[in-house]
PDB file of N, CA and C in Angstrom:
ATOM      1  N   VAL A   1     205.370  73.581 118.951  1.00  0.00           N
ATOM      2  CA  VAL A   1     204.753  72.510 118.259  1.00  0.00           C
ATOM      3  C   VAL A   1     203.694  73.111 117.033  1.00  0.00           C
ATOM      4  N   GLU A   2     203.790  72.246 115.671  1.00  0.00           N
ATOM      5  CA  GLU A   2     202.858  72.221 115.368  1.00  0.00           C
ATOM      6  C   GLU A   2     201.558  71.340 114.925  1.00  0.00           C
ATOM      7  N   THR A   3     200.340  71.753 115.080  1.00  0.00           N
ATOM      8  CA  THR A   3     199.588  70.255 115.165  1.00  0.00           C
ATOM      9  C   THR A   3     198.562  70.891 113.590  1.00  0.00           C
ATOM     10  N   VAL A   4     198.149  69.421 113.464  1.00  0.00           N
ATOM     11  CA  VAL A   4     197.712  69.865 112.228  1.00  0.00           C
ATOM     12  C   VAL A   4     195.736  69.066 111.931  1.00  0.00           C
ATOM     13  N   LEU A   5     194.933  69.837 112.226  1.00  0.00           N
ATOM     14  CA  LEU A   5     193.616  69.195 112.130  1.00  0.00           C
ATOM     15  C   LEU A   5     192.894  69.117 110.556  1.00  0.00           C
ATOM     16  N   ALA A   6     192.514  67.838 110.398  1.00  0.00           N
ATOM     17  CA  ALA A   6     191.777  67.670 109.282  1.00  0.00           C
ATOM     18  C   ALA A   6     190.769  66.690 109.433  1.00  0.00           C
ATOM     19  N   GLU A   7     190.145  66.326 108.285  1.00  0.00           N
ATOM     20  CA  GLU A   7     188.833  65.686 108.077  1.00  0.00           C
ATOM     21  C   GLU A   7     188.993  64.340 107.915  1.00  0.00           C
ATOM     22  N   SER A   8     190.150  63.741 107.249  1.00  0.00           N
ATOM     23  CA  SER A   8     190.747  62.676 107.167  1.00  0.00           C
ATOM     24  C   SER A   8     192.311  62.515 106.963  1.00  0.00           C
ATOM     25  N   ALA A   9     193.081  61.528 107.665  1.00  0.00           N
ATOM     26  CA  ALA A   9     194.438  61.408 107.054  1.00  0.00           C
ATOM     27  C   ALA A   9     194.409  60.394 106.635  1.00  0.00           C
ATOM     28  N   GLU A  10     195.413  60.061 105.565  1.00  0.00           N
ATOM     29  CA  GLU A  10     196.021  59.168 104.726  1.00  0.00           C
ATOM     30  C   GLU A  10     196.867  57.956 105.826  1.00  0.00           C
ATOM     31  N   SER A  11     196.894  58.170 106.778  1.00  0.00           N
ATOM     32  CA  SER A  11     198.103  57.452 107.392  1.00  0.00           C
ATOM     33  C   SER A  11     197.776  57.816 109.120  1.00  0.00           C
ATOM     34  N   GLU A  12     197.356  56.906 109.929  1.00  0.00           N
ATOM     35  CA  GLU A  12     196.844  57.398 111.377  1.00  0.00           C
ATOM     36  C   GLU A  12     197.822  56.958 112.376  1.00  0.00           C
ATOM     37  N   GLU A  13     199.255  56.647 111.800  1.00  0.00           N
ATOM     38  CA  GLU A  13     200.627  56.849 112.457  1.00  0.00           C
ATOM     39  C   GLU A  13     200.812  58.291 112.621  1.00  0.00           C
ATOM     40  N   ASN A  14     200.699  59.018 112.208  1.00  0.00           N
ATOM     41  CA  ASN A  14     200.901  60.735 112.627  1.00  0.00           C
ATOM     42  C   ASN A  14     200.380  61.229 113.939  1.00  0.00           C
ATOM     43  N   ASP A  15     201.334  61.330 114.848  1.00  0.00           N
ATOM     44  CA  ASP A  15     200.291  61.581 115.904  1.00  0.00           C
ATOM     45  C   ASP A  15     200.150  63.661 116.297  1.00  0.00           C
ATOM     46  N   ASP A  16     201.023  64.125 115.154  1.00  0.00           N
ATOM     47  CA  ASP A  16     200.253  65.716 115.057  1.00  0.00           C
ATOM     48  C   ASP A  16     199.079  65.929 113.978  1.00  0.00           C
ATOM     49  N   ILE A  17     198.440  65.219 113.621  1.00  0.00           N
ATOM     50  CA  ILE A  17     197.101  64.955 112.851  1.00  0.00           C
ATOM     51  C   ILE A  17     195.991  65.149 113.601  1.00  0.00           C
ATOM     52  N   PHE A  18     195.083  65.850 113.661  1.00  0.00           N
ATOM     53  CA  PHE A  18     193.720  65.556 114.883  1.00  0.00           C
ATOM     54  C   PHE A  18     192.558  65.402 113.773  1.00  0.00           C
ATOM     55  N   ILE A  19     191.875  64.067 113.744  1.00  0.00           N
ATOM     56  CA  ILE A  19     190.852  64.048 112.943  1.00  0.00           C
ATOM     57  C   ILE A  19     189.661  64.688 113.472  1.00  0.00           C
ATOM     58  N   VAL A  20     188.847  65.479 112.837  1.00  0.00           N
ATOM     59  CA  VAL A  20     188.060  66.332 113.070  1.00  0.00           C
ATOM     60  C   VAL A  20     186.821  66.018 112.337  1.00  0.00           C
ATOM     61  N   SER A  21     185.883  65.294 113.211  1.00  0.00           N
ATOM     62  CA  SER A  21     184.145  65.138 112.921  1.00  0.00           C
ATOM     63  C   SER A  21     183.296  66.202 113.493  1.00  0.00           C
ATOM     64  N   GLY A  22     182.415  66.578 112.246  1.00  0.00           N
ATOM     65  CA  GLY A  22     181.602  67.425 112.664  1.00  0.00           C
ATOM     66  C   GLY A  22     181.939  69.001 112.814  1.00  0.00           C
ATOM     67  N   GLU A  23     181.518  69.911 113.390  1.00  0.00           N
ATOM     68  CA  GLU A  23     181.557  71.103 113.190  1.00  0.00           C
ATOM     69  C   GLU A  23     182.393  71.844 114.447  1.00  0.00           C
ATOM     70  N   SER A  24     182.761  71.267 115.373  1.00  0.00           N
ATOM     71  CA  SER A  24     183.203  71.458 116.798  1.00  0.00           C
ATOM     72  C   SER A  24     184.696  70.821 116.749  1.00  0.00           C
ATOM     73  N   VAL A  25     185.344  71.145 117.605  1.00  0.00           N
ATOM     74  CA  VAL A  25     186.749  70.357 117.967  1.00  0.00           C
ATOM     75  C   VAL A  25     186.851  70.356 119.194  1.00  0.00           C
ATOM     76  N   GLU A  26     187.414  69.401 119.764  1.00  0.00           N
ATOM     77  CA  GLU A  26     187.546  69.178 121.110  1.00  0.00           C
ATOM     78  C   GLU A  26     189.245  69.475 121.243  1.00  0.00           C
ATOM     79  N   THR A  27     189.555  70.687 121.926  1.00  0.00           N
ATOM     80  CA  THR A  27     190.741  70.896 121.972  1.00  0.00           C
ATOM     81  C   THR A  27     192.072  70.316 122.966  1.00  0.00           C
ATOM     82  N   ASP A  28     191.004  69.614 123.894  1.00  0.00           N
ATOM     83  CA  ASP A  28     191.976  69.509 125.293  1.00  0.00           C
ATOM     84  C   ASP A  28     193.071  68.541 124.976  1.00  0.00           C
ATOM     85  N   GLU A  29     193.162  67.207 123.907  1.00  0.00           N
ATOM     86  CA  GLU A  29     193.902  66.574 123.768  1.00  0.00           C
ATOM     87  C   GLU A  29     195.110  66.908 122.856  1.00  0.00           C
ATOM     88  N   ILE A  30     195.006  68.334 122.499  1.00  0.00           N
ATOM     89  CA  ILE A  30     195.715  68.984 121.536  1.00  0.00           C
ATOM     90  C   ILE A  30     196.406  69.897 122.425  1.00  0.00           C
ATOM     91  N   LEU A  31     195.537  70.650 123.289  1.00  0.00           N
ATOM     92  CA  LEU A  31     196.277  71.901 124.524  1.00  0.00           C
ATOM     93  C   LEU A  31     196.961  71.681 125.441  1.00  0.00           C
ATOM     94  N   ILE A  32     196.498  70.873 126.065  1.00  0.00           N
ATOM     95  CA  ILE A  32     196.951  70.078 127.693  1.00  0.00           C
ATOM     96  C   ILE A  32     198.092  70.167 127.643  1.00  0.00           C
ATOM     97  N   PRO A  33     198.758  68.957 126.395  1.00  0.00           N
ATOM     98  CA  PRO A  33     199.701  68.106 126.309  1.00  0.00           C
ATOM     99  C   PRO A  33     200.964  69.416 126.032  1.00  0.00           C
ATOM    100  N   ALA A  34     200.488  70.364 125.124  1.00  0.00           N
ATOM    101  CA  ALA A  34     201.154  71.212 124.770  1.00  0.00           C
ATOM    102  C   ALA A  34     201.790  72.575 125.907  1.00  0.00           C
ATOM    103  N   LEU A  35     200.274  72.818 126.475  1.00  0.00           N
ATOM    104  CA  LEU A  35     201.082  73.350 127.542  1.00  0.00           C
ATOM    105  C   LEU A  35     201.753  72.940 128.612  1.00  0.00           C
ATOM    106  N   ILE A  36     201.903  71.720 129.064  1.00  0.00           N
ATOM    107  CA  ILE A  36     203.000  71.087 129.944  1.00  0.00           C
ATOM    108  C   ILE A  36     204.285  70.952 129.498  1.00  0.00           C
ATOM    109  N   LEU A  37     204.211  70.847 128.517  1.00  0.00           N
ATOM    110  CA  LEU A  37     205.518  70.907 128.083  1.00  0.00           C
ATOM    111  C   LEU A  37     205.916  72.360 127.921  1.00  0.00           C
ATOM    112  N   ALA A  38     204.965  73.393 128.008  1.00  0.00           N
ATOM    113  CA  ALA A  38     205.966  75.175 128.065  1.00  0.00           C
ATOM    114  C   ALA A  38     205.970  75.292 129.110  1.00  0.00           C
ATOM    115  N   VAL A  39     205.724  74.630 130.212  1.00  0.00           N
ATOM    116  CA  VAL A  39     205.632  75.506 131.242  1.00  0.00           C
ATOM    117  C   VAL A  39     207.305  74.682 131.719  1.00  0.00           C
ATOM    118  N   ASP A  40     207.889  75.921 132.410  1.00  0.00           N
ATOM    119  CA  ASP A  40     209.460  75.935 133.000  1.00  0.00           C
ATOM    120  C   ASP A  40     209.223  74.155 134.154  1.00  0.00           C
ATOM    121  N   GLN A  41     210.226  73.620 134.078  1.00  0.00           N
ATOM    122  CA  GLN A  41     210.052  72.638 135.165  1.00  0.00           C
ATOM    123  C   GLN A  41     210.672  72.866 136.518  1.00  0.00           C
ATOM    124  N   LYS A  42     211.865  74.569 136.553  1.00  0.00           N
ATOM    125  CA  LYS A  42     212.190  74.627 137.531  1.00  0.00           C
ATOM    126  C   LYS A  42     212.151  75.954 137.665  1.00  0.00           C
ATOM    127  N   ASN A  43     211.194  76.265 138.814  1.00  0.00           N
ATOM    128  CA  ASN A  43     210.915  77.240 139.058  1.00  0.00           C
ATOM    129  C   ASN A  43     212.045  78.288 139.961  1.00  0.00           C
ATOM    130  N   LEU A  44     212.558  79.641 139.280  1.00  0.00           N
ATOM    131  CA  LEU A  44     213.708  79.930 140.049  1.00  0.00           C
ATOM    132  C   LEU A  44     212.861  81.744 140.611  1.00  0.00           C
ATOM    133  N   CYS A  45     213.325  81.701 141.289  1.00  0.00           N
ATOM    134  CA  CYS A  45     212.935  83.515 141.978  1.00  0.00           C
ATOM    135  C   CYS A  45     213.877  84.565 141.052  1.00  0.00           C
ATOM    136  N   ARG A  46     215.224  84.122 140.065  1.00  0.00           N
ATOM    137  CA  ARG A  46     215.508  85.124 139.161  1.00  0.00           C
ATOM    138  C   ARG A  46     216.478  84.613 138.642  1.00  0.00           C
ATOM    139  N   ASP A  47     217.151  84.996 137.605  1.00  0.00           N
ATOM    140  CA  ASP A  47     217.597  84.568 136.239  1.00  0.00           C
ATOM    141  C   ASP A  47     219.017  83.782 136.852  1.00  0.00           C
ATOM    142  N   ASP A  48     219.894  84.985 137.604  1.00  0.00           N
ATOM    143  CA  ASP A  48     220.992  83.872 138.629  1.00  0.00           C
ATOM    144  C   ASP A  48     221.003  83.127 139.406  1.00  0.00           C
ATOM    145  N   CYS A  49     219.660  82.564 139.744  1.00  0.00           N
ATOM    146  CA  CYS A  49     219.192  81.851 141.166  1.00  0.00           C
ATOM    147  C   CYS A  49     219.592  80.550 141.205  1.00  0.00           C
ATOM    148  N   ARG A  50     220.549  79.763 141.855  1.00  0.00           N
ATOM    149  CA  ARG A  50     220.934  78.292 141.503  1.00  0.00           C
ATOM    150  C   ARG A  50     219.802  77.415 142.619  1.00  0.00           C
ATOM    151  N   GLY A  51     218.626  78.046 142.889  1.00  0.00           N
ATOM    152  CA  GLY A  51     217.890  77.080 143.192  1.00  0.00           C
ATOM    153  C   GLY A  51     217.951  76.265 144.594  1.00  0.00           C
ATOM    154  N   LEU A  52     217.282  75.142 144.987  1.00  0.00           N
ATOM    155  CA  LEU A  52     217.767  74.303 146.189  1.00  0.00           C
ATOM    156  C   LEU A  52     218.235  73.031 145.421  1.00  0.00           C
ATOM    157  N   CYS A  53     218.984  72.730 146.335  1.00  0.00           N
ATOM    158  CA  CYS A  53     219.537  70.954 146.031  1.00  0.00           C
ATOM    159  C   CYS A  53     218.573  70.240 146.468  1.00  0.00           C
ATOM    160  N   PRO A  54     218.046  69.187 144.799  1.00  0.00           N
ATOM    161  CA  PRO A  54     217.081  68.403 144.847  1.00  0.00           C
ATOM    162  C   PRO A  54     216.778  67.365 146.007  1.00  0.00           C
ATOM    163  N   PHE A  55     218.053  67.231 146.566  1.00  0.00           N
ATOM    164  CA  PHE A  55     218.008  66.316 147.128  1.00  0.00           C
ATOM    165  C   PHE A  55     217.897  66.223 149.041  1.00  0.00           C
ATOM    166  N   CYS A  56     218.495  67.317 149.230  1.00  0.00           N
ATOM    167  CA  CYS A  56     218.738  67.874 150.743  1.00  0.00           C
ATOM    168  C   CYS A  56     217.752  69.249 151.050  1.00  0.00           C
ATOM    169  N   GLY A  57     217.618  69.724 149.838  1.00  0.00           N
ATOM    170  CA  GLY A  57     216.479  70.965 149.868  1.00  0.00           C
ATOM    171  C   GLY A  57     217.562  72.131 150.139  1.00  0.00           C
ATOM    172  N   GLN A  58     219.022  72.092 150.093  1.00  0.00           N
ATOM    173  CA  GLN A  58     219.467  73.048 150.729  1.00  0.00           C
ATOM    174  C   GLN A  58     219.573  74.401 149.896  1.00  0.00           C
ATOM    175  N   ASN A  59     219.547  75.485 150.025  1.00  0.00           N
ATOM    176  CA  ASN A  59     219.308  76.799 149.028  1.00  0.00           C
ATOM    177  C   ASN A  59     220.726  76.971 148.717  1.00  0.00           C
ATOM    178  N   LEU A  60     220.725  76.677 147.226  1.00  0.00           N
ATOM    179  CA  LEU A  60     222.216  77.071 147.123  1.00  0.00           C
ATOM    180  C   LEU A  60     222.961  78.319 146.601  1.00  0.00           C
ATOM    181  N   ASN A  61     222.003  79.600 147.027  1.00  0.00           N
ATOM    182  CA  ASN A  61     222.348  80.571 146.827  1.00  0.00           C
ATOM    183  C   ASN A  61     223.148  81.036 148.279  1.00  0.00           C
ATOM    184  N   ARG A  62     223.100  80.341 149.123  1.00  0.00           N
ATOM    185  CA  ARG A  62     223.437  80.430 150.565  1.00  0.00           C
ATOM    186  C   ARG A  62     224.443  80.149 150.936  1.00  0.00           C
ATOM    187  N   ALA A  63     224.706  78.424 150.375  1.00  0.00           N
ATOM    188  CA  ALA A  63     225.863  77.542 150.419  1.00  0.00           C
ATOM    189  C   ALA A  63     225.568  76.284 150.334  1.00  0.00           C
ATOM    190  N   GLU A  64     226.782  75.832 149.836  1.00  0.00           N
ATOM    191  CA  GLU A  64     226.500  74.452 149.065  1.00  0.00           C
ATOM    192  C   GLU A  64     226.570  73.013 150.246  1.00  0.00           C
ATOM    193  N   CYS A  65     225.467  72.014 149.751  1.00  0.00           N
ATOM    194  CA  CYS A  65     224.859  71.555 150.394  1.00  0.00           C
ATOM    195  C   CYS A  65     226.107  70.253 150.825  1.00  0.00           C
ATOM    196  N   GLN A  66     226.249  69.568 151.319  1.00  0.00           N
ATOM    197  CA  GLN A  66     227.067  68.579 151.963  1.00  0.00           C
ATOM    198  C   GLN A  66     226.558  66.910 151.364  1.00  0.00           C
ATOM    199  N   CYS A  67     225.282  66.833 150.443  1.00  0.00           N
ATOM    200  CA  CYS A  67     224.726  66.005 150.195  1.00  0.00           C
ATOM    201  C   CYS A  67     225.627  65.212 148.655  1.00  0.00           C
ATOM    202  N   SER A  68     225.728  63.964 148.699  1.00  0.00           N
ATOM    203  CA  SER A  68     226.302  63.123 147.174  1.00  0.00           C
ATOM    204  C   SER A  68     225.135  63.632 146.242  1.00  0.00           C
ATOM    205  N   HIS A  69     225.752  64.499 145.083  1.00  0.00           N
ATOM    206  CA  HIS A  69     225.132  64.936 143.909  1.00  0.00           C
ATOM    207  C   HIS A  69     225.348  63.484 142.805  1.00  0.00           C
ATOM    208  N   LYS A  70     226.241  62.897 143.475  1.00  0.00           N
ATOM    209  CA  LYS A  70     226.424  61.459 142.562  1.00  0.00           C
ATOM    210  C   LYS A  70     225.388  60.260 142.522  1.00  0.00           C
ATOM    211  N   THR A  71     224.689  60.278 143.532  1.00  0.00           N
ATOM    212  CA  THR A  71     223.695  59.051 143.290  1.00  0.00           C
ATOM    213  C   THR A  71     222.451  59.278 142.091  1.00  0.00           C
ATOM    214  N   ALA A  72     222.292  58.124 141.348  1.00  0.00           N
ATOM    215  CA  ALA A  72     221.687  57.886 140.743  1.00  0.00           C
ATOM    216  C   ALA A  72     220.522  57.250 139.958  1.00  0.00           C
ATOM    217  N   ASP A  73     219.693  57.511 139.666  1.00  0.00           N
ATOM    218  CA  ASP A  73     218.393  56.806 139.963  1.00  0.00           C
ATOM    219  C   ASP A  73     218.428  55.510 139.606  1.00  0.00           C
ATOM    220  N   PRO A  74     218.335  54.759 140.434  1.00  0.00           N
ATOM    221  CA  PRO A  74     218.791  53.056 140.483  1.00  0.00           C
ATOM    222  C   PRO A  74     218.117  52.161 139.590  1.00  0.00           C
ATOM    223  N   ARG A  75     217.049  53.114 138.762  1.00  0.00           N
ATOM    224  CA  ARG A  75     216.648  52.365 137.055  1.00  0.00           C
ATOM    225  C   ARG A  75     217.388  53.000 136.092  1.00  0.00           C
ATOM    226  N   LEU A  76     218.815  53.519 136.499  1.00  0.00           N
ATOM    227  CA  LEU A  76     219.350  54.127 135.197  1.00  0.00           C
ATOM    228  C   LEU A  76     220.505  53.400 135.426  1.00  0.00           C
ATOM    229  N   GLU A  77     220.764  52.786 136.801  1.00  0.00           N
ATOM    230  CA  GLU A  77     222.211  52.011 137.436  1.00  0.00           C
ATOM    231  C   GLU A  77     222.728  50.659 136.256  1.00  0.00           C
ATOM    232  N   ALA A  78     221.903  50.663 135.437  1.00  0.00           N
ATOM    233  CA  ALA A  78     222.372  49.197 134.269  1.00  0.00           C
ATOM    234  C   ALA A  78     222.894  50.108 133.368  1.00  0.00           C
ATOM    235  N   LEU A  79     223.037  51.610 133.341  1.00  0.00           N
ATOM    236  CA  LEU A  79     223.217  52.383 131.998  1.00  0.00           C
ATOM    237  C   LEU A  79     224.555  52.526 132.113  1.00  0.00           C
ATOM    238  N   LYS A  80     225.152  52.627 133.583  1.00  0.00           N
ATOM    239  CA  LYS A  80     226.607  52.908 134.357  1.00  0.00           C
ATOM    240  C   LYS A  80     227.562  52.587 132.916  1.00  0.00           C
ATOM    241  N   HIS A  81     227.229  51.322 133.031  1.00  0.00           N
ATOM    242  CA  HIS A  81     228.335  50.266 132.176  1.00  0.00           C
ATOM    243  C   HIS A  81     227.875  50.058 131.326  1.00  0.00           C
ATOM    244  N   TRP A  82     227.142  50.471 130.287  1.00  0.00           N
ATOM    245  CA  TRP A  82     226.997  50.230 128.791  1.00  0.00           C
ATOM    246  C   TRP A  82     227.802  51.095 127.896  1.00  0.00           C
ATOM    247  N   GLY A  83     227.844  50.473 126.843  1.00  0.00           N
ATOM    248  CA  GLY A  83     229.171  50.801 125.593  1.00  0.00           C
ATOM    249  C   GLY A  83     230.680  50.826 126.519  1.00  0.00           C
ATOM    250  N   GLN A  84     230.944  49.854 127.349  1.00  0.00           N
ATOM    251  CA  GLN A  84     232.026  49.911 128.112  1.00  0.00           C
ATOM    252  C   GLN A  84     232.618  48.339 127.443  1.00  0.00           C
TER     253      GLN A  84
END
């Protein structure tokens, strides 16, 4: 992620440009989103780890789970028939 610090901007629509006023810069609104996006969303114990089933919690390294993986987020149900 590239961020630009500037004293003024030609357009306020660019989210990558932060306006600096004075001699100091508050970096919270720049660094916190970048750090959140940089953190892995799936913690694994090793590279070949299959993790846990997000539905039932079964350790997928030991056995397959018996729950239905086809359960979609109900908010996305309308997209199932989109484009048909």
